[in-house]
Amino acid sequence: MSRILIIAAVLFAWTFPIFASGQIYISQIQITGGKNNTENDFIEFFNASSSPVNLKGCHLVKRPASADSDTLVKSWSRDSFIPAKSFHLWANSGYTSIGAKPDVVSSATISENSGVALRFGSVNTGKILDAVSWGKTSNEFKNVSLLNPSANQGLIRKDLYQNLSAYAISASVPRNSLVNDLAAAFMASQETDAVIKNNSAATPEKKLPIAKEIAPEDASAKTPPADNTIAQVEVESVGGISTSSANSYPTQTYSANQDAKQSAIKYLVLSGAALLALSAIAKKFLFTRKK
């Protein structure tokens, strides 16, 4: 009897994968490709665990703004593994120009002011592995953005390994299961983060000035300044702020003549002090000899 129970338990574990909390995340969503391309939708998942995860028995569902029930987007009735530290990409079957080949497709579409969830188990009642909504919604899925992504923009998870990560809207970068190792996943995350930072750059007022790069000049063709002034680097601010020359700030000018005069004065002072010391020693020596 015990053997039968053990075999049954093994078969159950093989047939129904166990999902650890927070291991699979909805990492990116695109809801439109713009006018005449509204079906250019995709949803990307990321397996943050160190082992492959089987999507068999899962359902990808969606809910409009205020809906309280699911609409099926895609279900997995057969084994479909997400490699460790890798992605899984669903896309609308009509999205043929997508930048990465989808791992799975269906005819469903995603729209504004909506939400999606990945459930393990039945529609409406299965365990939610991750869920997000965007725009103005009250569909019981956590809202991660009050704004809707525009054409070819993605709602992108900023941290692939944190359960409570924020999301950002930026140019979409779909990733599939071919990105299947830790190093590649990390690089993909960094590239996405770089895109996000570039598209949400700080205003010019908050940017720091940087040294303007000056091309090397031919020393033989350059005439030195008449007063031998020290060369200064011009400072240019990032973001189009007008350039400020070093001449705009008070500076101290040093010349070769001034350096020579200062050196001569120091030499005379030191020489006089040395002569006085020698004179005192001589007087003391002579006075002692006379006695």
Protein backbone atom coordinates (compact mmCIF):
# COMPACT_ATOMS: atom_id res chain seq x y z
CA MET A 1 0.00 0.00 0.00
CA SER A 2 2.83 2.39 0.94
CA ARG A 3 4.53 1.77 -2.41
CA ILE A 4 1.33 2.68 -4.22
CA LEU A 5 1.09 5.94 -2.27
CA ILE A 6 4.71 6.82 -3.05
CA ILE A 7 4.22 6.12 -6.76
CA ALA A 8 1.01 8.18 -6.75
CA ALA A 9 2.79 11.07 -5.05
CA VAL A 10 5.61 11.00 -7.61
CA LEU A 11 3.16 10.92 -10.51
CA PHE A 12 1.20 13.80 -8.98
CA ALA A 13 4.34 15.89 -8.56
CA TRP A 14 5.38 15.17 -12.15
CA THR A 15 1.96 15.93 -13.57
CA PHE A 16 1.25 19.04 -11.49
CA PRO A 17 4.34 21.22 -11.00
CA ILE A 18 4.76 22.95 -7.66
CA PHE A 19 5.33 26.69 -7.92
CA ALA A 20 7.30 28.41 -5.20
CA SER A 21 5.91 31.81 -4.27
CA GLY A 22 7.43 34.63 -6.31
CA GLN A 23 9.35 32.47 -8.79
CA ILE A 24 7.48 33.40 -11.97
CA TYR A 25 6.89 37.06 -12.77
CA ILE A 26 5.07 38.92 -15.52
CA SER A 27 8.11 40.81 -16.75
CA GLN A 28 6.79 42.79 -19.76
CA ILE A 29 3.53 43.61 -21.55
CA GLN A 30 2.80 45.34 -24.85
CA ILE A 31 -0.81 46.18 -25.64
CA THR A 32 -0.61 47.81 -29.09
CA GLY A 33 1.60 48.45 -32.08
CA GLY A 34 -0.30 51.62 -32.97
CA LYS A 35 -2.91 52.39 -35.61
CA ASN A 36 -3.83 49.33 -37.70
CA ASN A 37 -1.60 47.19 -35.46
CA THR A 38 -3.69 46.90 -32.33
CA GLU A 39 -3.18 43.12 -32.32
CA ASN A 40 0.58 43.55 -31.83
CA ASP A 41 0.34 42.34 -28.25
CA PHE A 42 2.66 40.23 -26.17
CA ILE A 43 3.14 39.13 -22.56
CA GLU A 44 6.51 38.03 -21.25
CA PHE A 45 7.20 35.90 -18.17
CA PHE A 46 10.44 35.41 -16.26
CA ASN A 47 11.46 32.37 -14.22
CA ALA A 48 13.55 33.80 -11.38
CA SER A 49 14.25 30.39 -9.83
CA SER A 50 17.34 28.26 -10.34
CA SER A 51 15.35 25.33 -11.80
CA PRO A 52 13.07 24.91 -14.84
CA VAL A 53 9.37 25.47 -14.18
CA ASN A 54 6.58 23.62 -15.97
CA LEU A 55 3.62 25.72 -17.14
CA LYS A 56 1.42 22.64 -17.56
CA GLY A 57 -1.87 23.30 -15.79
CA CYS A 58 -1.51 27.10 -15.97
CA HIS A 59 -3.90 29.61 -17.51
CA LEU A 60 -3.06 33.09 -18.73
CA VAL A 61 -6.16 35.24 -18.25
CA LYS A 62 -7.21 38.87 -18.66
CA ARG A 63 -9.79 41.19 -17.14
CA PRO A 64 -11.15 44.51 -18.46
CA ALA A 65 -11.16 47.61 -16.27
CA SER A 66 -13.82 46.67 -13.72
CA ALA A 67 -14.47 43.00 -14.50
CA ASP A 68 -14.60 40.47 -11.68
CA SER A 69 -14.14 37.35 -13.82
CA ASP A 70 -11.43 36.03 -16.12
CA THR A 71 -11.29 35.72 -19.89
CA LEU A 72 -8.89 33.07 -21.15
CA VAL A 73 -5.85 34.21 -23.15
CA LYS A 74 -3.85 30.98 -23.24
CA SER A 75 -3.78 27.64 -21.39
CA TRP A 76 -1.05 25.00 -21.14
CA SER A 77 -2.32 21.42 -21.13
CA ARG A 78 1.04 19.87 -22.00
CA ASP A 79 4.54 20.21 -20.64
CA SER A 80 6.03 23.60 -21.38
CA PHE A 81 9.12 24.41 -19.36
CA ILE A 82 10.59 27.84 -18.70
CA PRO A 83 14.35 27.33 -18.24
CA ALA A 84 15.98 28.65 -15.08
CA LYS A 85 16.68 32.38 -15.21
CA SER A 86 14.90 32.62 -18.54
CA PHE A 87 11.82 34.04 -20.25
CA HIS A 88 8.65 32.71 -21.86
CA LEU A 89 6.93 34.81 -24.51
CA TRP A 90 3.25 34.77 -25.45
CA ALA A 91 2.10 36.87 -28.41
CA ASN A 92 -0.98 37.41 -30.51
CA SER A 93 -0.84 35.09 -33.51
CA GLY A 94 -1.17 38.06 -35.88
CA TYR A 95 1.94 39.79 -34.51
CA THR A 96 4.35 38.58 -37.20
CA SER A 97 6.87 41.44 -36.94
CA ILE A 98 7.68 40.89 -33.27
CA GLY A 99 11.37 41.23 -32.40
CA ALA A 100 11.68 37.78 -30.77
CA LYS A 101 9.99 34.55 -31.80
CA PRO A 102 7.11 33.80 -29.39
CA ASP A 103 7.23 30.57 -27.39
CA VAL A 104 3.45 30.34 -27.67
CA VAL A 105 0.65 32.22 -29.48
CA SER A 106 -3.13 32.56 -29.47
CA SER A 107 -5.71 34.86 -31.06
CA ALA A 108 -6.44 36.85 -27.87
CA THR A 109 -5.74 40.58 -27.65
CA ILE A 110 -4.82 42.93 -24.80
CA SER A 111 -6.22 46.44 -24.45
CA GLU A 112 -6.00 49.63 -22.40
CA ASN A 113 -7.26 49.83 -18.81
CA SER A 114 -7.04 46.09 -18.30
CA GLY A 115 -5.09 43.47 -16.39
CA VAL A 116 -3.64 39.99 -16.86
CA ALA A 117 -2.78 37.15 -14.51
CA LEU A 118 -1.00 33.81 -14.68
CA ARG A 119 -2.97 31.20 -12.71
CA PHE A 120 -2.01 27.69 -11.72
CA GLY A 121 -5.32 25.87 -11.89
CA SER A 122 -8.74 26.77 -13.19
CA VAL A 123 -9.85 30.12 -14.61
CA ASN A 124 -11.18 32.43 -11.86
CA THR A 125 -10.21 30.09 -9.01
CA GLY A 126 -6.66 28.90 -9.70
CA LYS A 127 -3.74 30.20 -7.64
CA ILE A 128 -2.43 33.50 -8.99
CA LEU A 129 1.31 33.26 -9.63
CA ASP A 130 1.51 36.89 -10.72
CA ALA A 131 -0.96 39.54 -11.87
CA VAL A 132 -0.74 43.16 -13.03
CA SER A 133 -3.11 45.80 -14.34
CA TRP A 134 -2.60 49.22 -15.92
CA GLY A 135 -4.58 52.39 -16.56
CA LYS A 136 -7.80 52.97 -14.63
CA THR A 137 -8.84 49.59 -13.27
CA SER A 138 -10.68 47.95 -10.36
CA ASN A 139 -10.49 44.34 -11.50
CA GLU A 140 -8.75 42.99 -8.35
CA PHE A 141 -5.39 42.63 -10.13
CA LYS A 142 -2.67 44.83 -8.62
CA ASN A 143 -2.30 48.06 -10.56
CA VAL A 144 1.33 48.87 -11.41
CA SER A 145 0.76 51.88 -13.68
CA LEU A 146 -1.92 54.54 -13.91
CA LEU A 147 -0.81 55.16 -17.49
CA ASN A 148 -1.41 52.91 -20.49
CA PRO A 149 1.59 51.99 -22.67
CA SER A 150 1.55 53.66 -26.08
CA ALA A 151 2.36 52.08 -29.44
CA ASN A 152 5.33 49.69 -29.29
CA GLN A 153 5.90 50.51 -25.65
CA GLY A 154 6.14 47.92 -22.95
CA LEU A 155 5.10 47.90 -19.33
CA ILE A 156 8.45 46.56 -18.12
CA ARG A 157 9.37 45.04 -14.78
CA LYS A 158 12.41 46.95 -13.48
CA ASP A 159 13.82 44.17 -11.27
CA LEU A 160 13.57 40.57 -12.44
CA TYR A 161 14.38 39.11 -9.03
CA GLN A 162 12.41 41.21 -6.55
CA ASN A 163 8.86 40.24 -5.64
CA LEU A 164 7.76 43.85 -5.12
CA SER A 165 9.48 45.36 -8.14
CA ALA A 166 8.15 48.51 -9.76
CA TYR A 167 7.32 48.78 -13.47
CA ALA A 168 8.23 51.40 -16.04
CA ILE A 169 6.84 52.27 -19.48
CA SER A 170 9.50 52.29 -22.18
CA ALA A 171 10.29 50.99 -25.67
CA SER A 172 9.41 47.29 -25.65
CA VAL A 173 12.13 44.63 -25.84
CA PRO A 174 10.48 41.17 -26.09
CA ARG A 175 12.54 38.22 -24.81
CA ASN A 176 11.87 34.50 -25.24
CA SER A 177 13.17 31.19 -23.85
CA LEU A 178 16.34 31.41 -25.98
CA VAL A 179 17.60 33.77 -23.31
CA ASN A 180 18.20 30.79 -21.08
CA ASP A 181 21.12 31.34 -18.76
CA LEU A 182 21.90 33.59 -15.84
CA ALA A 183 24.48 35.72 -17.64
CA ALA A 184 22.23 36.30 -20.66
CA ALA A 185 19.22 37.04 -18.47
CA PHE A 186 21.27 39.52 -16.47
CA MET A 187 22.49 41.25 -19.64
CA ALA A 188 18.94 41.38 -21.01
CA SER A 189 17.81 42.95 -17.76
CA GLN A 190 20.63 45.52 -17.90
CA GLU A 191 19.86 46.41 -21.53
CA THR A 192 16.18 46.89 -20.68
CA ASP A 193 17.09 48.99 -17.66
CA ALA A 194 19.35 51.13 -19.86
CA VAL A 195 16.48 51.71 -22.30
CA ILE A 196 14.24 52.74 -19.41
CA LYS A 197 16.84 55.15 -18.04
CA ASN A 198 17.47 56.70 -21.47
CA ASN A 199 13.78 57.26 -22.06
CA SER A 200 13.22 58.78 -18.62
CA ALA A 201 16.36 60.91 -18.40
CA ALA A 202 16.54 63.69 -15.85
CA THR A 203 15.77 67.25 -16.91
CA PRO A 204 18.76 69.41 -17.95
CA GLU A 205 18.51 71.41 -14.72
CA LYS A 206 19.34 68.30 -12.69
CA LYS A 207 22.28 67.20 -14.80
CA LEU A 208 25.85 67.81 -13.76
CA PRO A 209 28.39 69.58 -15.99
CA ILE A 210 31.05 67.47 -17.65
CA ALA A 211 34.41 68.39 -19.14
CA LYS A 212 34.17 69.10 -22.82
CA GLU A 213 36.38 66.80 -24.86
CA ILE A 214 39.07 68.79 -26.69
CA ALA A 215 40.80 67.37 -29.76
CA PRO A 216 44.63 67.18 -29.57
CA GLU A 217 46.43 70.03 -31.30
CA ASP A 218 49.75 70.23 -33.10
CA ALA A 219 52.18 71.71 -30.55
CA SER A 220 54.51 73.06 -33.26
CA ALA A 221 51.74 75.04 -34.90
CA LYS A 222 50.40 76.52 -31.69
CA THR A 223 51.66 79.95 -30.58
CA PRO A 224 52.02 80.18 -26.78
CA PRO A 225 50.16 82.99 -25.00
CA ALA A 226 52.12 86.17 -24.51
CA ASP A 227 51.88 85.98 -20.72
CA ASN A 228 52.45 82.20 -20.49
CA THR A 229 49.07 81.70 -18.84
CA ILE A 230 48.06 78.17 -17.84
CA ALA A 231 45.58 76.55 -20.28
CA GLN A 232 42.06 76.01 -18.89
CA VAL A 233 39.39 73.42 -19.84
CA GLU A 234 36.06 74.71 -21.04
CA VAL A 235 33.03 73.28 -19.24
CA GLU A 236 29.90 72.26 -21.10
CA SER A 237 26.66 71.16 -19.44
CA VAL A 238 24.75 68.09 -20.66
CA GLY A 239 21.32 68.56 -22.18
CA GLY A 240 21.87 71.65 -24.31
CA ILE A 241 22.61 74.22 -21.60
CA SER A 242 24.77 77.02 -22.95
CA THR A 243 28.54 76.56 -22.65
CA SER A 244 30.36 78.59 -20.00
CA SER A 245 33.92 79.64 -20.74
CA ALA A 246 36.58 79.54 -18.03
CA ASN A 247 37.03 83.27 -18.65
CA SER A 248 33.65 83.81 -16.98
CA TYR A 249 35.18 82.95 -13.62
CA PRO A 250 37.93 84.89 -11.74
CA THR A 251 41.27 83.14 -12.24
CA GLN A 252 44.83 83.78 -11.09
CA THR A 253 47.38 84.27 -13.87
CA TYR A 254 50.99 83.19 -13.36
CA SER A 255 53.80 84.45 -15.59
CA ALA A 256 57.42 83.33 -16.04
CA ASN A 257 58.70 86.81 -14.98
CA GLN A 258 56.80 86.67 -11.70
CA ASP A 259 58.17 83.22 -10.96
CA ALA A 260 61.74 84.42 -11.63
CA LYS A 261 61.34 87.47 -9.34
CA GLN A 262 59.93 85.35 -6.52
CA SER A 263 62.80 82.87 -6.87
CA ALA A 264 65.42 85.66 -6.78
CA ILE A 265 63.90 87.17 -3.63
CA LYS A 266 63.89 83.80 -1.90
CA TYR A 267 67.54 83.25 -2.91
CA LEU A 268 68.64 86.65 -1.52
CA VAL A 269 66.81 86.12 1.76
CA LEU A 270 68.34 82.69 2.26
CA SER A 271 71.82 83.96 1.29
CA GLY A 272 71.64 86.87 3.77
CA ALA A 273 70.55 84.55 6.55
CA ALA A 274 73.46 82.23 5.78
CA LEU A 275 75.98 85.12 5.86
CA LEU A 276 74.67 86.36 9.21
CA ALA A 277 75.02 82.88 10.68
CA LEU A 278 78.60 82.54 9.42
CA SER A 279 79.50 86.00 10.78
CA ALA A 280 78.20 85.09 14.25
CA ILE A 281 80.18 81.84 14.26
CA ALA A 282 83.37 83.67 13.18
CA LYS A 283 83.08 86.33 15.87
CA LYS A 284 82.54 83.73 18.56
CA PHE A 285 85.54 81.72 17.35
CA LEU A 286 87.89 84.79 17.22
CA PHE A 287 86.73 86.05 20.61
CA THR A 288 87.47 82.68 22.21
CA ARG A 289 91.00 82.52 20.64
CA LYS A 290 91.95 85.99 22.00
CA LYS A 291 91.14 84.93 25.55
